[in-house]
Amino acid sequence: MVSWKDSTKEERLDPENGILLSPNYDALFDNHVITFSDDGTIVVSKSLSVEDIIKPGIDINAKIEVNIEMLPDLKRHRLQLK
């Protein structure tokens, strides 16, 4: 969840610092316009329109599995939501 360019060596090697997402979710996640809450529920930036969400096939009810080790990185990612 911490981008490669912003990661320390340890963060880059940390298997918990990553989420396997389909390309449409990954692009929005990398651009900090979607993220996930601590319970795994998708969080969508207010900067996105309904069309921005529907066009790439984003499910506003999407949820990922989150473990405790992921929480700090998810929090850091949420702070960068645009």
Protein backbone atom coordinates (compact mmCIF):
# COMPACT_ATOMS: atom_id res chain seq x y z
CA MET A 1 0.00 0.00 0.00
CA VAL A 2 3.02 2.21 0.39
CA SER A 3 4.08 2.92 -3.17
CA TRP A 4 7.36 1.49 -4.38
CA LYS A 5 8.91 4.94 -4.83
CA ASP A 6 7.94 5.97 -1.28
CA SER A 7 8.84 2.64 0.37
CA THR A 8 11.86 1.81 2.43
CA LYS A 9 13.76 -1.36 1.58
CA GLU A 10 11.96 -3.14 4.41
CA GLU A 11 8.53 -1.94 3.19
CA ARG A 12 9.29 -3.14 -0.34
CA LEU A 13 10.03 -6.63 0.98
CA ASP A 14 7.07 -6.72 3.37
CA PRO A 15 4.42 -9.13 2.03
CA GLU A 16 1.75 -7.21 3.99
CA ASN A 17 2.55 -4.03 2.05
CA GLY A 18 0.45 -4.95 -0.91
CA ILE A 19 -3.01 -5.86 -2.07
CA LEU A 20 -3.76 -7.98 -5.10
CA LEU A 21 -6.32 -5.97 -7.07
CA SER A 22 -7.67 -6.24 -10.59
CA PRO A 23 -6.25 -3.63 -13.00
CA ASN A 24 -9.26 -1.29 -12.78
CA TYR A 25 -9.13 -1.16 -8.96
CA ASP A 26 -5.33 -1.07 -8.91
CA ALA A 27 -5.14 2.01 -11.13
CA LEU A 28 -7.56 3.93 -8.93
CA PHE A 29 -5.83 2.70 -5.76
CA ASP A 30 -2.40 3.74 -7.08
CA ASN A 31 -3.81 7.17 -7.92
CA HIS A 32 -5.22 7.49 -4.40
CA VAL A 33 -8.83 7.92 -5.47
CA ILE A 34 -9.96 4.69 -3.83
CA THR A 35 -8.67 3.05 -0.69
CA PHE A 36 -9.95 0.65 1.95
CA SER A 37 -11.08 1.02 5.55
CA ASP A 38 -9.71 -1.10 8.38
CA ASP A 39 -12.59 -3.55 7.89
CA GLY A 40 -11.77 -3.83 4.17
CA THR A 41 -14.68 -1.78 2.85
CA ILE A 42 -13.88 0.33 -0.21
CA VAL A 43 -13.56 4.08 0.33
CA VAL A 44 -14.11 6.24 -2.75
CA SER A 45 -12.76 9.77 -3.09
CA LYS A 46 -15.35 12.52 -3.24
CA SER A 47 -13.43 13.77 -6.28
CA LEU A 48 -14.79 10.87 -8.34
CA SER A 49 -18.12 11.15 -10.10
CA VAL A 50 -20.59 8.28 -10.32
CA GLU A 51 -19.49 7.83 -13.95
CA ASP A 52 -15.83 7.62 -12.85
CA ILE A 53 -16.79 4.71 -10.64
CA ILE A 54 -19.21 2.90 -12.94
CA LYS A 55 -17.20 3.17 -16.17
CA PRO A 56 -14.25 1.03 -14.99
CA GLY A 57 -16.64 -1.38 -13.26
CA ILE A 58 -15.92 -0.47 -9.65
CA ASP A 59 -18.28 -2.03 -7.12
CA ILE A 60 -19.04 0.51 -4.40
CA ASN A 61 -19.74 -2.44 -2.09
CA ALA A 62 -16.35 -4.04 -2.73
CA LYS A 63 -14.53 -5.39 0.28
CA ILE A 64 -11.09 -6.93 0.73
CA GLU A 65 -9.76 -9.15 3.46
CA VAL A 66 -7.59 -7.18 5.88
CA ASN A 67 -5.29 -8.53 8.56
CA ILE A 68 -3.83 -6.64 11.48
CA GLU A 69 -0.40 -6.29 9.85
CA MET A 70 -1.95 -4.33 6.95
CA LEU A 71 -3.60 -1.68 9.16
CA PRO A 72 -0.69 0.81 9.40
CA ASP A 73 -0.15 0.80 5.63
CA LEU A 74 -3.87 1.13 4.92
CA LYS A 75 -4.06 4.09 7.30
CA ARG A 76 -1.11 5.71 5.54
CA HIS A 77 -2.81 5.13 2.18
CA ARG A 78 -6.12 6.62 3.38
CA LEU A 79 -4.32 9.79 4.43
CA GLN A 80 -3.34 10.27 0.78
CA LEU A 81 -6.91 9.93 -0.58
CA LYS A 82 -7.52 12.73 -3.08
